[in-house]
Amino acid sequence: MNILVIEDDTVAAAYLVKGLNESGYRVEHAVRGDDGLVRALEGRHDALIVDRMLPGLDGLSLVSRLRESGSTVPILVLSALAELDDRVVGLRAGGDDYLTKPYAFAELLARLEALTRRHGTAPPVRLRVADLELDLLAHTAVRAGAPVRLQPREFRLLEYLARHAGQVVTRAMLLEHVWAYSFDPQTNVIDVHISRLRAKIDRAGLPPLIHTLRGIGYKLAENP
């Protein structure tokens, strides 16, 4: 799912983009309202997150112009203006939802999921590989009917592998998408976490799902 974030606060935008990427979204970021409008009009996005106060073109004018163009893309408006009248204005401009700053990322994510669900573009909330099932909302995992207790980083690692089930995932890909690191051939952080994850997922009596392709990377699949 492709999300366009239009936010001029670089710190807030970095936090938001990182969180959405880690939640499985593909994210594009625009700083100015006029640039954001041009990108949004291309119709390539499944949802927009638009800050109300933007340079070039304010967020509500951007939303209004999108609606005038016939766009029905789900839009979540962000704003530090929290009065009832401010929220009403934001919704009447064409926003589908209005979230005030500061916000909890978990709430933003839940609102985004609700918006896309209503518009029929919601991403999957569960991933299944053989007898392994991940609940992406509850951040829980079950293997062969038994719950698997995972630390947050372990879950994100397993989720990334599950989203690419049957495909080879390189160490560089894992470092970039799970740890947000540049590739470092000296680090053993991936080996440590894969070992812990394998001990929990591929426990005794179960066929292995996590496969190591020596010198290449890892694969989550029924067969190597």
N, C-alpha and C. Protein backbone atom coordinates (compact mmCIF):
# COMPACT_ATOMS: atom_id res chain seq x y z
N MET A 1 0.84 -1.18 0.00
CA MET A 1 0.00 0.00 0.00
C MET A 1 0.89 1.24 0.00
N ASN A 2 0.56 2.20 -0.86
CA ASN A 2 1.35 3.41 -1.02
C ASN A 2 0.71 4.57 -0.27
N ILE A 3 1.48 5.21 0.59
CA ILE A 3 1.01 6.34 1.38
C ILE A 3 1.83 7.57 1.01
N LEU A 4 1.15 8.69 0.80
CA LEU A 4 1.83 9.97 0.57
C LEU A 4 1.69 10.81 1.84
N VAL A 5 2.82 11.13 2.44
CA VAL A 5 2.86 11.99 3.63
C VAL A 5 3.27 13.38 3.18
N ILE A 6 2.43 14.38 3.49
CA ILE A 6 2.75 15.77 3.14
C ILE A 6 2.90 16.52 4.45
N GLU A 7 4.14 16.74 4.85
CA GLU A 7 4.47 17.29 6.16
C GLU A 7 5.78 18.06 6.06
N ASP A 8 5.78 19.33 6.50
CA ASP A 8 6.97 20.16 6.36
C ASP A 8 7.90 20.10 7.56
N ASP A 9 7.44 19.57 8.69
CA ASP A 9 8.29 19.40 9.86
C ASP A 9 9.15 18.16 9.64
N THR A 10 10.45 18.36 9.44
CA THR A 10 11.32 17.24 9.06
C THR A 10 11.42 16.18 10.16
N VAL A 11 11.42 16.60 11.42
CA VAL A 11 11.51 15.63 12.52
C VAL A 11 10.23 14.80 12.58
N ALA A 12 9.08 15.49 12.53
CA ALA A 12 7.79 14.79 12.57
C ALA A 12 7.64 13.87 11.37
N ALA A 13 8.08 14.34 10.21
CA ALA A 13 7.95 13.54 9.00
C ALA A 13 8.82 12.29 9.07
N ALA A 14 10.05 12.43 9.58
CA ALA A 14 10.95 11.29 9.69
C ALA A 14 10.37 10.23 10.63
N TYR A 15 9.80 10.67 11.74
CA TYR A 15 9.16 9.76 12.70
C TYR A 15 8.00 9.02 12.05
N LEU A 16 7.18 9.77 11.31
CA LEU A 16 6.01 9.19 10.68
C LEU A 16 6.40 8.22 9.56
N VAL A 17 7.31 8.63 8.71
CA VAL A 17 7.74 7.78 7.59
C VAL A 17 8.37 6.49 8.11
N LYS A 18 9.21 6.59 9.13
CA LYS A 18 9.85 5.41 9.69
C LYS A 18 8.81 4.44 10.26
N GLY A 19 7.85 4.98 11.01
CA GLY A 19 6.82 4.13 11.60
C GLY A 19 5.96 3.45 10.55
N LEU A 20 5.61 4.17 9.50
CA LEU A 20 4.79 3.58 8.44
C LEU A 20 5.57 2.53 7.67
N ASN A 21 6.84 2.80 7.41
CA ASN A 21 7.67 1.80 6.72
C ASN A 21 7.76 0.52 7.55
N GLU A 22 7.95 0.67 8.84
CA GLU A 22 8.06 -0.49 9.71
C GLU A 22 6.74 -1.24 9.82
N SER A 23 5.64 -0.56 9.52
CA SER A 23 4.32 -1.19 9.56
C SER A 23 3.93 -1.80 8.22
N GLY A 24 4.86 -1.76 7.26
CA GLY A 24 4.64 -2.43 5.99
C GLY A 24 4.15 -1.56 4.86
N TYR A 25 4.07 -0.25 5.08
CA TYR A 25 3.62 0.65 4.01
C TYR A 25 4.80 1.14 3.17
N ARG A 26 4.52 1.44 1.92
CA ARG A 26 5.49 2.15 1.09
C ARG A 26 5.14 3.63 1.18
N VAL A 27 6.10 4.45 1.52
CA VAL A 27 5.82 5.84 1.85
C VAL A 27 6.58 6.80 0.95
N GLU A 28 5.87 7.80 0.48
CA GLU A 28 6.47 8.91 -0.27
C GLU A 28 6.25 10.17 0.56
N HIS A 29 7.23 11.06 0.57
CA HIS A 29 7.13 12.25 1.41
C HIS A 29 7.29 13.52 0.59
N ALA A 30 6.38 14.46 0.80
CA ALA A 30 6.48 15.79 0.20
C ALA A 30 6.51 16.82 1.32
N VAL A 31 7.30 17.88 1.12
CA VAL A 31 7.45 18.91 2.15
C VAL A 31 6.48 20.06 1.93
N ARG A 32 6.29 20.46 0.69
CA ARG A 32 5.44 21.61 0.35
C ARG A 32 4.05 21.16 -0.11
N GLY A 33 3.08 22.00 0.16
CA GLY A 33 1.72 21.68 -0.24
C GLY A 33 1.54 21.63 -1.74
N ASP A 34 2.16 22.56 -2.46
CA ASP A 34 2.00 22.57 -3.92
C ASP A 34 2.63 21.33 -4.55
N ASP A 35 3.79 20.93 -4.05
CA ASP A 35 4.43 19.70 -4.55
C ASP A 35 3.58 18.48 -4.18
N GLY A 36 3.04 18.47 -2.97
CA GLY A 36 2.19 17.36 -2.54
C GLY A 36 0.96 17.23 -3.41
N LEU A 37 0.37 18.36 -3.80
CA LEU A 37 -0.82 18.33 -4.65
C LEU A 37 -0.49 17.71 -6.00
N VAL A 38 0.64 18.10 -6.58
CA VAL A 38 1.04 17.54 -7.88
C VAL A 38 1.19 16.04 -7.79
N ARG A 39 1.83 15.57 -6.74
CA ARG A 39 2.02 14.12 -6.59
C ARG A 39 0.70 13.41 -6.33
N ALA A 40 -0.15 14.01 -5.50
CA ALA A 40 -1.43 13.38 -5.18
C ALA A 40 -2.32 13.27 -6.41
N LEU A 41 -2.26 14.26 -7.29
CA LEU A 41 -3.09 14.24 -8.49
C LEU A 41 -2.69 13.14 -9.47
N GLU A 42 -1.49 12.57 -9.27
CA GLU A 42 -1.06 11.47 -10.14
C GLU A 42 -1.86 10.20 -9.87
N GLY A 43 -2.51 10.15 -8.71
CA GLY A 43 -3.39 9.02 -8.40
C GLY A 43 -2.68 7.72 -8.10
N ARG A 44 -1.44 7.79 -7.63
CA ARG A 44 -0.65 6.58 -7.38
C ARG A 44 -0.74 6.10 -5.94
N HIS A 45 -1.47 6.81 -5.09
CA HIS A 45 -1.42 6.53 -3.66
C HIS A 45 -2.75 5.97 -3.16
N ASP A 46 -2.64 5.12 -2.15
CA ASP A 46 -3.82 4.50 -1.55
C ASP A 46 -4.40 5.35 -0.43
N ALA A 47 -3.61 6.26 0.11
CA ALA A 47 -4.07 7.16 1.17
C ALA A 47 -3.09 8.30 1.30
N LEU A 48 -3.58 9.43 1.84
CA LEU A 48 -2.74 10.61 2.07
C LEU A 48 -2.80 10.98 3.55
N ILE A 49 -1.68 11.43 4.08
CA ILE A 49 -1.62 12.03 5.41
C ILE A 49 -1.12 13.46 5.19
N VAL A 50 -1.96 14.44 5.50
CA VAL A 50 -1.69 15.83 5.12
C VAL A 50 -1.68 16.72 6.36
N ASP A 51 -0.56 17.40 6.57
CA ASP A 51 -0.48 18.39 7.64
C ASP A 51 -1.27 19.63 7.21
N ARG A 52 -1.92 20.26 8.17
CA ARG A 52 -2.77 21.41 7.83
C ARG A 52 -1.96 22.64 7.46
N MET A 53 -0.86 22.88 8.16
CA MET A 53 -0.04 24.07 7.92
C MET A 53 1.16 23.69 7.06
N LEU A 54 1.12 24.09 5.80
CA LEU A 54 2.18 23.73 4.86
C LEU A 54 2.64 24.96 4.08
N PRO A 55 3.91 25.00 3.69
CA PRO A 55 4.36 26.07 2.80
C PRO A 55 3.90 25.82 1.38
N GLY A 56 3.75 26.89 0.63
CA GLY A 56 3.37 26.77 -0.79
C GLY A 56 1.88 26.69 -0.99
N LEU A 57 1.23 25.79 -0.28
CA LEU A 57 -0.22 25.61 -0.35
C LEU A 57 -0.64 24.95 0.95
N ASP A 58 -1.56 25.58 1.68
CA ASP A 58 -1.92 25.00 2.97
C ASP A 58 -2.68 23.69 2.78
N GLY A 59 -2.68 22.86 3.83
CA GLY A 59 -3.23 21.52 3.74
C GLY A 59 -4.69 21.47 3.35
N LEU A 60 -5.51 22.37 3.89
CA LEU A 60 -6.94 22.33 3.59
C LEU A 60 -7.22 22.74 2.15
N SER A 61 -6.44 23.71 1.64
CA SER A 61 -6.60 24.07 0.23
C SER A 61 -6.19 22.92 -0.67
N LEU A 62 -5.15 22.22 -0.27
CA LEU A 62 -4.71 21.03 -1.01
C LEU A 62 -5.83 19.99 -1.07
N VAL A 63 -6.42 19.71 0.10
CA VAL A 63 -7.49 18.72 0.16
C VAL A 63 -8.68 19.15 -0.69
N SER A 64 -9.06 20.43 -0.59
CA SER A 64 -10.20 20.93 -1.37
C SER A 64 -9.96 20.78 -2.87
N ARG A 65 -8.75 21.11 -3.31
CA ARG A 65 -8.45 21.01 -4.75
C ARG A 65 -8.46 19.55 -5.22
N LEU A 66 -8.01 18.67 -4.36
CA LEU A 66 -8.06 17.25 -4.71
C LEU A 66 -9.50 16.80 -4.90
N ARG A 67 -10.36 17.18 -3.97
CA ARG A 67 -11.77 16.77 -4.08
C ARG A 67 -12.43 17.40 -5.30
N GLU A 68 -12.08 18.64 -5.60
CA GLU A 68 -12.63 19.30 -6.79
C GLU A 68 -12.19 18.59 -8.07
N SER A 69 -11.04 17.96 -8.02
CA SER A 69 -10.54 17.24 -9.19
C SER A 69 -11.23 15.88 -9.37
N GLY A 70 -12.01 15.47 -8.36
CA GLY A 70 -12.70 14.19 -8.43
C GLY A 70 -12.01 13.08 -7.68
N SER A 71 -10.89 13.39 -7.02
CA SER A 71 -10.15 12.36 -6.28
C SER A 71 -10.95 11.91 -5.06
N THR A 72 -10.99 10.60 -4.85
CA THR A 72 -11.65 10.03 -3.68
C THR A 72 -10.66 9.35 -2.74
N VAL A 73 -9.37 9.61 -2.91
CA VAL A 73 -8.35 8.98 -2.09
C VAL A 73 -8.60 9.29 -0.61
N PRO A 74 -8.49 8.32 0.29
CA PRO A 74 -8.66 8.59 1.72
C PRO A 74 -7.61 9.58 2.23
N ILE A 75 -8.06 10.57 3.01
CA ILE A 75 -7.15 11.60 3.50
C ILE A 75 -7.30 11.76 5.01
N LEU A 76 -6.16 11.66 5.70
CA LEU A 76 -6.09 11.93 7.13
C LEU A 76 -5.38 13.26 7.31
N VAL A 77 -6.08 14.23 7.93
CA VAL A 77 -5.52 15.56 8.15
C VAL A 77 -4.89 15.61 9.53
N LEU A 78 -3.66 16.13 9.60
CA LEU A 78 -2.96 16.33 10.87
C LEU A 78 -2.90 17.82 11.18
N SER A 79 -3.12 18.18 12.45
CA SER A 79 -3.06 19.59 12.80
C SER A 79 -2.86 19.78 14.30
N ALA A 80 -2.19 20.88 14.64
CA ALA A 80 -2.06 21.26 16.04
C ALA A 80 -3.30 22.01 16.51
N LEU A 81 -4.18 22.38 15.59
CA LEU A 81 -5.42 23.08 15.92
C LEU A 81 -6.46 22.05 16.34
N ALA A 82 -6.85 22.11 17.61
CA ALA A 82 -7.65 21.02 18.18
C ALA A 82 -9.08 21.40 18.53
N GLU A 83 -9.47 22.65 18.29
CA GLU A 83 -10.83 23.06 18.63
C GLU A 83 -11.85 22.36 17.72
N LEU A 84 -13.07 22.25 18.21
CA LEU A 84 -14.13 21.60 17.44
C LEU A 84 -14.31 22.25 16.08
N ASP A 85 -14.32 23.59 16.04
CA ASP A 85 -14.50 24.29 14.77
C ASP A 85 -13.38 23.96 13.79
N ASP A 86 -12.17 23.80 14.31
CA ASP A 86 -11.03 23.47 13.44
C ASP A 86 -11.22 22.08 12.81
N ARG A 87 -11.68 21.13 13.62
CA ARG A 87 -11.91 19.77 13.11
C ARG A 87 -13.03 19.76 12.08
N VAL A 88 -14.08 20.52 12.35
CA VAL A 88 -15.20 20.59 11.41
C VAL A 88 -14.75 21.17 10.08
N VAL A 89 -13.96 22.23 10.14
CA VAL A 89 -13.46 22.85 8.90
C VAL A 89 -12.62 21.85 8.12
N GLY A 90 -11.77 21.10 8.82
CA GLY A 90 -10.93 20.13 8.15
C GLY A 90 -11.72 19.04 7.46
N LEU A 91 -12.78 18.57 8.10
CA LEU A 91 -13.61 17.52 7.51
C LEU A 91 -14.43 18.07 6.35
N ARG A 92 -14.94 19.28 6.50
CA ARG A 92 -15.73 19.87 5.42
C ARG A 92 -14.89 20.23 4.20
N ALA A 93 -13.60 20.41 4.41
CA ALA A 93 -12.71 20.68 3.27
C ALA A 93 -12.51 19.44 2.41
N GLY A 94 -12.85 18.26 2.99
CA GLY A 94 -12.72 17.03 2.22
C GLY A 94 -11.89 15.96 2.90
N GLY A 95 -11.41 16.25 4.13
CA GLY A 95 -10.67 15.24 4.86
C GLY A 95 -11.61 14.14 5.34
N ASP A 96 -11.11 12.92 5.36
CA ASP A 96 -11.91 11.79 5.86
C ASP A 96 -11.77 11.62 7.37
N ASP A 97 -10.67 12.10 7.92
CA ASP A 97 -10.45 12.04 9.35
C ASP A 97 -9.51 13.17 9.72
N TYR A 98 -9.50 13.51 11.02
CA TYR A 98 -8.73 14.66 11.50
C TYR A 98 -8.09 14.26 12.81
N LEU A 99 -6.76 14.31 12.88
CA LEU A 99 -6.03 13.90 14.08
C LEU A 99 -5.19 15.07 14.56
N THR A 100 -5.32 15.39 15.85
CA THR A 100 -4.60 16.54 16.38
C THR A 100 -3.23 16.14 16.93
N LYS A 101 -2.30 17.07 16.82
CA LYS A 101 -0.94 16.89 17.32
C LYS A 101 -0.86 17.40 18.76
N PRO A 102 -0.03 16.80 19.60
CA PRO A 102 0.75 15.58 19.37
C PRO A 102 -0.15 14.35 19.39
N TYR A 103 0.23 13.33 18.67
CA TYR A 103 -0.59 12.13 18.58
C TYR A 103 0.27 10.90 18.89
N ALA A 104 -0.38 9.83 19.26
CA ALA A 104 0.30 8.55 19.44
C ALA A 104 0.32 7.84 18.10
N PHE A 105 1.48 7.31 17.70
CA PHE A 105 1.57 6.67 16.39
C PHE A 105 0.57 5.51 16.27
N ALA A 106 0.35 4.78 17.37
CA ALA A 106 -0.59 3.66 17.34
C ALA A 106 -1.98 4.13 16.95
N GLU A 107 -2.38 5.31 17.43
CA GLU A 107 -3.69 5.83 17.06
C GLU A 107 -3.72 6.24 15.59
N LEU A 108 -2.66 6.89 15.13
CA LEU A 108 -2.61 7.27 13.72
C LEU A 108 -2.71 6.04 12.84
N LEU A 109 -1.98 4.99 13.21
CA LEU A 109 -1.99 3.77 12.41
C LEU A 109 -3.39 3.15 12.39
N ALA A 110 -4.06 3.15 13.55
CA ALA A 110 -5.41 2.59 13.62
C ALA A 110 -6.39 3.40 12.78
N ARG A 111 -6.26 4.72 12.80
CA ARG A 111 -7.14 5.57 11.99
C ARG A 111 -6.88 5.37 10.50
N LEU A 112 -5.60 5.23 10.14
CA LEU A 112 -5.26 4.99 8.74
C LEU A 112 -5.84 3.66 8.27
N GLU A 113 -5.72 2.64 9.11
CA GLU A 113 -6.28 1.33 8.76
C GLU A 113 -7.80 1.40 8.60
N ALA A 114 -8.45 2.16 9.48
CA ALA A 114 -9.90 2.30 9.40
C ALA A 114 -10.30 3.02 8.11
N LEU A 115 -9.55 4.07 7.75
CA LEU A 115 -9.84 4.81 6.51
C LEU A 115 -9.73 3.92 5.29
N THR A 116 -8.62 3.21 5.20
CA THR A 116 -8.39 2.38 4.02
C THR A 116 -9.36 1.20 3.98
N ARG A 117 -9.77 0.71 5.16
CA ARG A 117 -10.74 -0.38 5.20
C ARG A 117 -12.08 0.09 4.66
N ARG A 118 -12.47 1.28 5.05
CA ARG A 118 -13.75 1.82 4.56
C ARG A 118 -13.72 2.04 3.05
N HIS A 119 -12.55 2.37 2.52
CA HIS A 119 -12.42 2.61 1.08
C HIS A 119 -12.04 1.35 0.32
N GLY A 120 -11.98 0.22 1.01
CA GLY A 120 -11.69 -1.04 0.34
C GLY A 120 -10.25 -1.21 -0.07
N THR A 121 -9.32 -0.47 0.58
CA THR A 121 -7.91 -0.57 0.21
C THR A 121 -7.06 -0.99 1.40
N ALA A 122 -7.66 -1.59 2.40
CA ALA A 122 -6.91 -1.94 3.61
C ALA A 122 -5.89 -3.04 3.34
N PRO A 123 -4.71 -2.93 3.93
CA PRO A 123 -3.71 -3.99 3.79
C PRO A 123 -4.13 -5.20 4.60
N PRO A 124 -3.54 -6.37 4.35
CA PRO A 124 -3.91 -7.55 5.14
C PRO A 124 -3.55 -7.35 6.60
N VAL A 125 -4.38 -7.90 7.48
CA VAL A 125 -4.09 -7.79 8.91
C VAL A 125 -3.48 -9.08 9.44
N ARG A 126 -3.43 -10.12 8.60
CA ARG A 126 -2.80 -11.38 8.99
C ARG A 126 -1.93 -11.88 7.84
N LEU A 127 -0.82 -12.50 8.22
CA LEU A 127 0.06 -13.14 7.25
C LEU A 127 0.18 -14.62 7.63
N ARG A 128 0.12 -15.49 6.63
CA ARG A 128 0.22 -16.93 6.89
C ARG A 128 1.30 -17.54 6.00
N VAL A 129 2.13 -18.35 6.62
CA VAL A 129 3.13 -19.14 5.91
C VAL A 129 3.08 -20.53 6.51
N ALA A 130 2.60 -21.49 5.73
CA ALA A 130 2.42 -22.85 6.25
C ALA A 130 1.53 -22.81 7.49
N ASP A 131 2.02 -23.33 8.63
CA ASP A 131 1.21 -23.32 9.85
C ASP A 131 1.57 -22.16 10.78
N LEU A 132 2.26 -21.17 10.23
CA LEU A 132 2.62 -19.97 10.98
C LEU A 132 1.66 -18.83 10.60
N GLU A 133 1.12 -18.15 11.61
CA GLU A 133 0.21 -17.03 11.35
C GLU A 133 0.61 -15.83 12.20
N LEU A 134 0.69 -14.67 11.56
CA LEU A 134 1.02 -13.43 12.25
C LEU A 134 -0.19 -12.51 12.22
N ASP A 135 -0.54 -11.95 13.36
CA ASP A 135 -1.58 -10.93 13.47
C ASP A 135 -0.87 -9.58 13.51
N LEU A 136 -0.99 -8.80 12.43
CA LEU A 136 -0.24 -7.57 12.31
C LEU A 136 -0.78 -6.45 13.17
N LEU A 137 -2.02 -6.57 13.61
CA LEU A 137 -2.59 -5.55 14.49
C LEU A 137 -2.23 -5.82 15.95
N ALA A 138 -2.37 -7.07 16.36
CA ALA A 138 -2.08 -7.43 17.75
C ALA A 138 -0.59 -7.71 17.98
N HIS A 139 0.18 -7.82 16.87
CA HIS A 139 1.61 -8.16 16.94
C HIS A 139 1.81 -9.48 17.68
N THR A 140 1.05 -10.48 17.28
CA THR A 140 1.17 -11.81 17.88
C THR A 140 1.44 -12.83 16.78
N ALA A 141 2.03 -13.96 17.18
CA ALA A 141 2.34 -15.03 16.24
C ALA A 141 1.89 -16.37 16.82
N VAL A 142 1.44 -17.25 15.92
CA VAL A 142 1.01 -18.59 16.32
C VAL A 142 1.64 -19.58 15.36
N ARG A 143 2.25 -20.62 15.88
CA ARG A 143 2.83 -21.67 15.04
C ARG A 143 2.22 -23.01 15.45
N ALA A 144 1.60 -23.70 14.50
CA ALA A 144 0.99 -25.01 14.74
C ALA A 144 -0.03 -24.93 15.88
N GLY A 145 -0.75 -23.81 15.93
CA GLY A 145 -1.80 -23.64 16.94
C GLY A 145 -1.33 -23.15 18.29
N ALA A 146 -0.02 -23.02 18.49
CA ALA A 146 0.51 -22.59 19.77
C ALA A 146 1.08 -21.17 19.65
N PRO A 147 0.75 -20.29 20.61
CA PRO A 147 1.29 -18.92 20.56
C PRO A 147 2.79 -18.90 20.73
N VAL A 148 3.42 -17.95 20.04
CA VAL A 148 4.87 -17.78 20.11
C VAL A 148 5.15 -16.40 20.71
N ARG A 149 5.87 -16.38 21.80
CA ARG A 149 6.19 -15.11 22.45
C ARG A 149 7.40 -14.47 21.77
N LEU A 150 7.18 -13.28 21.23
CA LEU A 150 8.24 -12.59 20.50
C LEU A 150 8.47 -11.20 21.07
N GLN A 151 9.73 -10.79 21.09
CA GLN A 151 10.06 -9.42 21.42
C GLN A 151 9.70 -8.54 20.21
N PRO A 152 9.47 -7.23 20.42
CA PRO A 152 9.08 -6.35 19.30
C PRO A 152 9.98 -6.46 18.08
N ARG A 153 11.32 -6.48 18.29
CA ARG A 153 12.22 -6.55 17.15
C ARG A 153 12.11 -7.91 16.47
N GLU A 154 11.92 -8.96 17.25
CA GLU A 154 11.77 -10.29 16.68
C GLU A 154 10.51 -10.35 15.82
N PHE A 155 9.43 -9.72 16.29
CA PHE A 155 8.21 -9.73 15.50
C PHE A 155 8.41 -8.98 14.19
N ARG A 156 9.08 -7.82 14.25
CA ARG A 156 9.30 -7.05 13.02
C ARG A 156 10.16 -7.84 12.03
N LEU A 157 11.15 -8.55 12.56
CA LEU A 157 11.99 -9.39 11.70
C LEU A 157 11.17 -10.50 11.06
N LEU A 158 10.35 -11.16 11.85
CA LEU A 158 9.52 -12.24 11.32
C LEU A 158 8.49 -11.70 10.33
N GLU A 159 7.93 -10.54 10.64
CA GLU A 159 6.95 -9.94 9.73
C GLU A 159 7.59 -9.64 8.37
N TYR A 160 8.80 -9.10 8.40
CA TYR A 160 9.47 -8.78 7.12
C TYR A 160 9.72 -10.05 6.32
N LEU A 161 10.17 -11.10 7.00
CA LEU A 161 10.38 -12.38 6.32
C LEU A 161 9.07 -12.92 5.76
N ALA A 162 7.98 -12.79 6.54
CA ALA A 162 6.68 -13.31 6.10
C ALA A 162 6.13 -12.52 4.91
N ARG A 163 6.38 -11.22 4.90
CA ARG A 163 5.92 -10.41 3.76
C ARG A 163 6.66 -10.78 2.48
N HIS A 164 7.82 -11.40 2.63
CA HIS A 164 8.62 -11.83 1.48
C HIS A 164 8.74 -13.35 1.48
N ALA A 165 7.72 -14.03 1.95
CA ALA A 165 7.75 -15.50 2.05
C ALA A 165 8.09 -16.12 0.70
N GLY A 166 8.99 -17.11 0.76
CA GLY A 166 9.40 -17.79 -0.46
C GLY A 166 10.48 -17.07 -1.23
N GLN A 167 10.84 -15.86 -0.77
CA GLN A 167 11.87 -15.08 -1.45
C GLN A 167 13.12 -15.01 -0.58
N VAL A 168 14.25 -14.86 -1.23
CA VAL A 168 15.50 -14.69 -0.49
C VAL A 168 15.60 -13.24 -0.02
N VAL A 169 15.83 -13.08 1.27
CA VAL A 169 15.98 -11.75 1.87
C VAL A 169 17.44 -11.60 2.31
N THR A 170 18.12 -10.60 1.81
CA THR A 170 19.53 -10.43 2.12
C THR A 170 19.72 -9.76 3.48
N ARG A 171 20.93 -9.85 4.00
CA ARG A 171 21.27 -9.19 5.26
C ARG A 171 21.12 -7.67 5.12
N ALA A 172 21.51 -7.14 3.98
CA ALA A 172 21.39 -5.70 3.76
C ALA A 172 19.93 -5.25 3.81
N MET A 173 19.04 -6.04 3.23
CA MET A 173 17.62 -5.72 3.26
C MET A 173 17.08 -5.71 4.69
N LEU A 174 17.50 -6.70 5.48
CA LEU A 174 17.03 -6.78 6.87
C LEU A 174 17.56 -5.61 7.69
N LEU A 175 18.82 -5.28 7.51
CA LEU A 175 19.38 -4.15 8.26
C LEU A 175 18.67 -2.85 7.91
N GLU A 176 18.37 -2.67 6.65
CA GLU A 176 17.73 -1.43 6.21
C GLU A 176 16.29 -1.33 6.68
N HIS A 177 15.53 -2.42 6.55
CA HIS A 177 14.09 -2.35 6.80
C HIS A 177 13.67 -2.71 8.22
N VAL A 178 14.48 -3.47 8.93
CA VAL A 178 14.13 -3.85 10.30
C VAL A 178 14.88 -3.03 11.33
N TRP A 179 16.14 -2.70 11.01
CA TRP A 179 16.95 -1.92 11.94
C TRP A 179 17.19 -0.49 11.48
N ALA A 180 16.86 -0.19 10.23
CA ALA A 180 17.10 1.14 9.65
C ALA A 180 18.60 1.48 9.67
N TYR A 181 19.45 0.46 9.48
CA TYR A 181 20.90 0.66 9.40
C TYR A 181 21.33 0.57 7.94
N SER A 182 22.46 1.21 7.66
CA SER A 182 23.14 0.94 6.40
C SER A 182 23.88 -0.38 6.56
N PHE A 183 24.20 -1.01 5.46
CA PHE A 183 24.83 -2.33 5.53
C PHE A 183 26.19 -2.26 6.21
N ASP A 184 26.37 -3.12 7.19
CA ASP A 184 27.63 -3.22 7.91
C ASP A 184 28.03 -4.70 7.94
N PRO A 185 28.99 -5.11 7.15
CA PRO A 185 29.35 -6.53 7.07
C PRO A 185 29.91 -7.09 8.37
N GLN A 186 30.28 -6.22 9.32
CA GLN A 186 30.89 -6.69 10.56
C GLN A 186 29.86 -7.01 11.65
N THR A 187 28.65 -6.48 11.53
CA THR A 187 27.68 -6.67 12.60
C THR A 187 27.11 -8.10 12.60
N ASN A 188 26.86 -8.61 13.81
CA ASN A 188 26.26 -9.94 13.92
C ASN A 188 24.85 -9.85 14.48
N VAL A 189 24.27 -8.63 14.47
CA VAL A 189 22.94 -8.44 15.06
C VAL A 189 21.90 -9.32 14.38
N ILE A 190 22.01 -9.50 13.06
CA ILE A 190 21.04 -10.33 12.35
C ILE A 190 21.19 -11.79 12.75
N ASP A 191 22.41 -12.28 12.80
CA ASP A 191 22.65 -13.67 13.18
C ASP A 191 22.07 -13.98 14.55
N VAL A 192 22.27 -13.05 15.48
CA VAL A 192 21.77 -13.25 16.84
C VAL A 192 20.25 -13.33 16.85
N HIS A 193 19.58 -12.40 16.16
CA HIS A 193 18.13 -12.37 16.16
C HIS A 193 17.53 -13.54 15.37
N ILE A 194 18.16 -13.92 14.28
CA ILE A 194 17.68 -15.07 13.52
C ILE A 194 17.77 -16.33 14.37
N SER A 195 18.87 -16.46 15.12
CA SER A 195 19.05 -17.63 15.98
C SER A 195 17.96 -17.69 17.04
N ARG A 196 17.65 -16.55 17.66
CA ARG A 196 16.60 -16.51 18.67
C ARG A 196 15.24 -16.80 18.05
N LEU A 197 15.02 -16.24 16.88
CA LEU A 197 13.74 -16.43 16.21
C LEU A 197 13.56 -17.88 15.79
N ARG A 198 14.61 -18.48 15.28
CA ARG A 198 14.54 -19.87 14.85
C ARG A 198 14.24 -20.79 16.04
N ALA A 199 14.81 -20.51 17.19
CA ALA A 199 14.57 -21.32 18.38
C ALA A 199 13.10 -21.27 18.80
N LYS A 200 12.43 -20.15 18.52
CA LYS A 200 11.03 -20.00 18.91
C LYS A 200 10.07 -20.51 17.83
N ILE A 201 10.41 -20.29 16.57
CA ILE A 201 9.52 -20.67 15.47
C ILE A 201 9.72 -22.12 15.06
N ASP A 202 10.96 -22.51 14.89
CA ASP A 202 11.27 -23.88 14.43
C ASP A 202 11.59 -24.78 15.61
N ARG A 203 10.68 -24.83 16.55
CA ARG A 203 10.95 -25.63 17.74
C ARG A 203 10.89 -27.12 17.43
N ALA A 204 11.34 -27.92 18.37
CA ALA A 204 11.46 -29.37 18.17
C ALA A 204 10.14 -29.98 17.72
N GLY A 205 10.25 -30.87 16.73
CA GLY A 205 9.08 -31.58 16.23
C GLY A 205 8.38 -30.90 15.08
N LEU A 206 8.79 -29.66 14.76
CA LEU A 206 8.16 -28.93 13.66
C LEU A 206 9.14 -28.81 12.50
N PRO A 207 8.64 -28.90 11.27
CA PRO A 207 9.53 -28.71 10.12
C PRO A 207 10.03 -27.26 10.09
N PRO A 208 11.29 -27.06 9.76
CA PRO A 208 11.84 -25.70 9.77
C PRO A 208 11.20 -24.81 8.70
N LEU A 209 10.97 -23.55 9.09
CA LEU A 209 10.45 -22.55 8.15
C LEU A 209 11.50 -21.49 7.82
N ILE A 210 12.44 -21.27 8.74
CA ILE A 210 13.47 -20.26 8.52
C ILE A 210 14.72 -20.94 7.97
N HIS A 211 15.06 -20.59 6.76
CA HIS A 211 16.18 -21.24 6.08
C HIS A 211 17.31 -20.23 5.82
N THR A 212 18.53 -20.67 6.06
CA THR A 212 19.70 -19.85 5.79
C THR A 212 20.31 -20.25 4.46
N LEU A 213 20.48 -19.29 3.58
CA LEU A 213 21.18 -19.53 2.32
C LEU A 213 22.56 -18.91 2.47
N ARG A 214 23.51 -19.75 2.80
CA ARG A 214 24.84 -19.29 3.20
C ARG A 214 25.45 -18.35 2.16
N GLY A 215 25.88 -17.20 2.66
CA GLY A 215 26.49 -16.20 1.80
C GLY A 215 25.50 -15.35 1.03
N ILE A 216 24.20 -15.65 1.17
CA ILE A 216 23.18 -14.91 0.42
C ILE A 216 22.21 -14.19 1.36
N GLY A 217 21.55 -14.99 2.23
CA GLY A 217 20.56 -14.38 3.12
C GLY A 217 19.68 -15.44 3.75
N TYR A 218 18.40 -15.11 3.90
CA TYR A 218 17.46 -15.98 4.59
C TYR A 218 16.16 -16.07 3.80
N LYS A 219 15.41 -17.13 4.08
CA LYS A 219 14.12 -17.31 3.42
C LYS A 219 13.15 -17.96 4.40
N LEU A 220 11.92 -17.44 4.44
CA LEU A 220 10.86 -18.05 5.23
C LEU A 220 9.95 -18.81 4.27
N ALA A 221 9.95 -20.14 4.39
CA ALA A 221 9.19 -20.97 3.46
C ALA A 221 9.11 -22.39 4.00
N GLU A 222 8.17 -23.16 3.45
CA GLU A 222 8.06 -24.57 3.84
C GLU A 222 9.28 -25.36 3.38
N ASN A 223 9.80 -24.98 2.22
CA ASN A 223 10.95 -25.70 1.65
C ASN A 223 12.09 -24.73 1.41
N PRO A 224 13.34 -25.17 1.57
CA PRO A 224 14.51 -24.30 1.36
C PRO A 224 14.53 -23.72 -0.06
